[in-house]
Amino acid sequence: MGIAYLMVASGFSGSGEYLYVPDLSTLRICPYAPGEAVVMGWFQEKTPYVGADNKLTLDVPLCPRATLRRITQ
């Protein structure tokens, strides 16, 4: 997420990997592009870790959808 063109942005490292998990409840047919569809998703860690609430979680702090979900809850 910290790569702009072929350079790593400051504050990011070249290591680490996230999963992108599709949210099939957001699957929509594109009315402007026949034969195409769009789906949103979540960035998740590959292995669970202990979160701020002392529970195991897969949430990634940089995932925009997870951040919005935390704010609205």
N, C-alpha and C. Protein backbone atom coordinates (compact mmCIF):
# COMPACT_ATOMS: atom_id res chain seq x y z
N MET A 1 0.81 -1.19 0.00
CA MET A 1 0.00 0.00 0.00
C MET A 1 0.85 1.25 0.00
N GLY A 2 2.13 1.10 0.24
CA GLY A 2 3.00 2.25 0.28
C GLY A 2 3.86 2.40 -0.95
N ILE A 3 3.46 1.74 -2.05
CA ILE A 3 4.24 1.83 -3.27
C ILE A 3 3.57 2.82 -4.21
N ALA A 4 4.32 3.84 -4.59
CA ALA A 4 3.86 4.81 -5.57
C ALA A 4 4.78 4.68 -6.78
N TYR A 5 4.21 4.26 -7.87
CA TYR A 5 4.98 3.90 -9.06
C TYR A 5 5.92 2.77 -8.66
N LEU A 6 7.18 2.88 -8.76
CA LEU A 6 8.08 1.80 -8.37
C LEU A 6 8.91 2.17 -7.14
N MET A 7 8.44 3.14 -6.37
CA MET A 7 9.18 3.59 -5.19
C MET A 7 8.33 3.35 -3.93
N VAL A 8 8.99 3.05 -2.83
CA VAL A 8 8.30 2.86 -1.56
C VAL A 8 8.20 4.21 -0.85
N ALA A 9 6.99 4.58 -0.45
CA ALA A 9 6.76 5.85 0.22
C ALA A 9 7.40 5.86 1.60
N SER A 10 7.74 7.03 2.09
CA SER A 10 8.35 7.12 3.42
C SER A 10 7.37 6.63 4.47
N GLY A 11 7.89 5.92 5.46
CA GLY A 11 7.05 5.35 6.51
C GLY A 11 6.63 3.93 6.24
N PHE A 12 6.92 3.42 5.05
CA PHE A 12 6.58 2.05 4.68
C PHE A 12 7.86 1.26 4.45
N SER A 13 7.75 -0.05 4.57
CA SER A 13 8.89 -0.90 4.26
C SER A 13 8.52 -1.82 3.10
N GLY A 14 9.49 -2.46 2.56
CA GLY A 14 9.26 -3.35 1.43
C GLY A 14 8.87 -4.76 1.85
N SER A 15 8.67 -4.98 3.13
CA SER A 15 8.30 -6.32 3.59
C SER A 15 6.86 -6.34 4.09
N GLY A 16 6.34 -7.52 4.22
CA GLY A 16 4.98 -7.69 4.69
C GLY A 16 4.03 -8.00 3.55
N GLU A 17 2.93 -8.61 3.92
CA GLU A 17 1.97 -9.01 2.90
C GLU A 17 0.58 -9.10 3.54
N TYR A 18 -0.43 -8.61 2.85
CA TYR A 18 -1.80 -8.68 3.31
C TYR A 18 -2.61 -9.52 2.33
N LEU A 19 -3.69 -10.07 2.82
CA LEU A 19 -4.66 -10.74 1.95
C LEU A 19 -5.72 -9.72 1.57
N TYR A 20 -6.25 -9.83 0.36
CA TYR A 20 -7.39 -9.01 -0.03
C TYR A 20 -8.56 -9.97 -0.16
N VAL A 21 -9.51 -9.86 0.76
CA VAL A 21 -10.63 -10.79 0.84
C VAL A 21 -11.86 -10.12 0.25
N PRO A 22 -12.42 -10.67 -0.84
CA PRO A 22 -13.61 -10.04 -1.44
C PRO A 22 -14.82 -10.15 -0.52
N ASP A 23 -15.62 -9.11 -0.50
CA ASP A 23 -16.88 -9.06 0.25
C ASP A 23 -17.99 -9.28 -0.77
N LEU A 24 -18.46 -10.52 -0.89
CA LEU A 24 -19.41 -10.85 -1.95
C LEU A 24 -20.77 -10.18 -1.78
N SER A 25 -21.04 -9.63 -0.59
CA SER A 25 -22.29 -8.90 -0.42
C SER A 25 -22.28 -7.58 -1.18
N THR A 26 -21.10 -7.14 -1.66
CA THR A 26 -20.99 -5.89 -2.42
C THR A 26 -20.91 -6.13 -3.92
N LEU A 27 -21.05 -7.36 -4.36
CA LEU A 27 -20.98 -7.68 -5.79
C LEU A 27 -22.10 -6.99 -6.55
N ARG A 28 -21.74 -6.19 -7.55
CA ARG A 28 -22.72 -5.44 -8.36
C ARG A 28 -22.34 -5.53 -9.82
N ILE A 29 -23.35 -5.60 -10.67
CA ILE A 29 -23.14 -5.55 -12.11
C ILE A 29 -22.94 -4.08 -12.49
N CYS A 30 -21.98 -3.79 -13.33
CA CYS A 30 -21.72 -2.41 -13.77
C CYS A 30 -22.68 -2.04 -14.90
N PRO A 31 -23.58 -1.08 -14.67
CA PRO A 31 -24.53 -0.70 -15.72
C PRO A 31 -23.84 0.02 -16.88
N TYR A 32 -22.68 0.60 -16.63
CA TYR A 32 -21.97 1.36 -17.65
C TYR A 32 -20.98 0.51 -18.45
N ALA A 33 -20.78 -0.75 -18.03
CA ALA A 33 -19.83 -1.63 -18.73
C ALA A 33 -20.45 -3.03 -18.84
N PRO A 34 -21.16 -3.29 -19.92
CA PRO A 34 -21.80 -4.60 -20.08
C PRO A 34 -20.81 -5.76 -19.94
N GLY A 35 -21.21 -6.76 -19.17
CA GLY A 35 -20.37 -7.93 -18.97
C GLY A 35 -19.35 -7.78 -17.85
N GLU A 36 -19.34 -6.63 -17.18
CA GLU A 36 -18.38 -6.38 -16.10
C GLU A 36 -19.12 -6.28 -14.76
N ALA A 37 -18.39 -6.56 -13.68
CA ALA A 37 -18.94 -6.44 -12.33
C ALA A 37 -17.88 -5.81 -11.43
N VAL A 38 -18.31 -5.35 -10.26
CA VAL A 38 -17.40 -4.75 -9.28
C VAL A 38 -17.68 -5.39 -7.93
N VAL A 39 -16.65 -5.58 -7.14
CA VAL A 39 -16.80 -6.10 -5.78
C VAL A 39 -15.77 -5.40 -4.89
N MET A 40 -16.18 -5.06 -3.66
CA MET A 40 -15.27 -4.47 -2.70
C MET A 40 -14.67 -5.58 -1.85
N GLY A 41 -13.69 -5.22 -1.04
CA GLY A 41 -13.05 -6.24 -0.21
C GLY A 41 -12.40 -5.64 1.02
N TRP A 42 -11.76 -6.51 1.78
CA TRP A 42 -11.09 -6.15 3.02
C TRP A 42 -9.63 -6.56 2.94
N PHE A 43 -8.73 -5.70 3.45
CA PHE A 43 -7.35 -6.12 3.64
C PHE A 43 -7.30 -6.83 4.99
N GLN A 44 -6.66 -8.00 5.03
CA GLN A 44 -6.55 -8.76 6.26
C GLN A 44 -5.14 -9.30 6.42
N GLU A 45 -4.76 -9.51 7.69
CA GLU A 45 -3.50 -10.16 7.99
C GLU A 45 -3.60 -11.63 7.61
N LYS A 46 -2.46 -12.24 7.33
CA LYS A 46 -2.46 -13.66 7.01
C LYS A 46 -2.65 -14.53 8.24
N THR A 47 -2.18 -14.06 9.39
CA THR A 47 -2.33 -14.80 10.64
C THR A 47 -2.94 -13.88 11.69
N PRO A 48 -3.82 -14.40 12.54
CA PRO A 48 -4.44 -13.56 13.56
C PRO A 48 -3.41 -13.01 14.55
N TYR A 49 -3.69 -11.84 15.10
CA TYR A 49 -2.85 -11.24 16.13
C TYR A 49 -3.76 -10.65 17.21
N VAL A 50 -3.21 -10.38 18.36
CA VAL A 50 -3.98 -9.82 19.47
C VAL A 50 -4.17 -8.33 19.22
N GLY A 51 -5.43 -7.90 19.14
CA GLY A 51 -5.74 -6.50 18.87
C GLY A 51 -5.79 -5.67 20.14
N ALA A 52 -6.23 -4.43 20.01
CA ALA A 52 -6.29 -3.50 21.14
C ALA A 52 -7.27 -3.96 22.21
N ASP A 53 -8.28 -4.75 21.82
CA ASP A 53 -9.27 -5.25 22.78
C ASP A 53 -8.88 -6.61 23.36
N ASN A 54 -7.62 -7.02 23.17
CA ASN A 54 -7.07 -8.29 23.65
C ASN A 54 -7.76 -9.50 23.05
N LYS A 55 -8.35 -9.36 21.87
CA LYS A 55 -8.96 -10.48 21.14
C LYS A 55 -8.19 -10.68 19.86
N LEU A 56 -8.21 -11.91 19.35
CA LEU A 56 -7.55 -12.18 18.08
C LEU A 56 -8.31 -11.50 16.96
N THR A 57 -7.57 -10.93 16.04
CA THR A 57 -8.18 -10.22 14.92
C THR A 57 -7.33 -10.40 13.68
N LEU A 58 -7.95 -10.19 12.53
CA LEU A 58 -7.25 -10.18 11.24
C LEU A 58 -7.22 -8.78 10.65
N ASP A 59 -7.86 -7.82 11.33
CA ASP A 59 -7.98 -6.45 10.81
C ASP A 59 -6.62 -5.81 10.57
N VAL A 60 -6.55 -5.06 9.49
CA VAL A 60 -5.34 -4.30 9.15
C VAL A 60 -5.65 -2.83 9.42
N PRO A 61 -4.83 -2.14 10.21
CA PRO A 61 -5.11 -0.74 10.53
C PRO A 61 -5.20 0.17 9.30
N LEU A 62 -4.57 -0.19 8.20
CA LEU A 62 -4.58 0.65 7.00
C LEU A 62 -5.75 0.37 6.06
N CYS A 63 -6.60 -0.60 6.37
CA CYS A 63 -7.73 -0.92 5.49
C CYS A 63 -8.79 0.17 5.62
N PRO A 64 -9.11 0.89 4.54
CA PRO A 64 -10.08 1.98 4.62
C PRO A 64 -11.47 1.52 5.02
N ARG A 65 -11.90 0.36 4.56
CA ARG A 65 -13.23 -0.13 4.92
C ARG A 65 -13.30 -0.53 6.38
N ALA A 66 -12.21 -1.14 6.91
CA ALA A 66 -12.18 -1.50 8.33
C ALA A 66 -12.14 -0.26 9.21
N THR A 67 -11.44 0.76 8.77
CA THR A 67 -11.39 2.02 9.51
C THR A 67 -12.77 2.65 9.57
N LEU A 68 -13.47 2.69 8.46
CA LEU A 68 -14.83 3.25 8.43
C LEU A 68 -15.76 2.44 9.32
N ARG A 69 -15.64 1.11 9.31
CA ARG A 69 -16.47 0.26 10.16
C ARG A 69 -16.20 0.56 11.64
N ARG A 70 -14.92 0.71 12.02
CA ARG A 70 -14.59 1.03 13.41
C ARG A 70 -15.17 2.38 13.83
N ILE A 71 -15.11 3.38 12.95
CA ILE A 71 -15.63 4.71 13.27
C ILE A 71 -17.14 4.69 13.45
N THR A 72 -17.83 3.98 12.58
CA THR A 72 -19.29 3.96 12.65
C THR A 72 -19.81 3.10 13.81
N GLN A 73 -19.00 2.16 14.28
CA GLN A 73 -19.43 1.34 15.41
C GLN A 73 -19.13 2.07 16.68
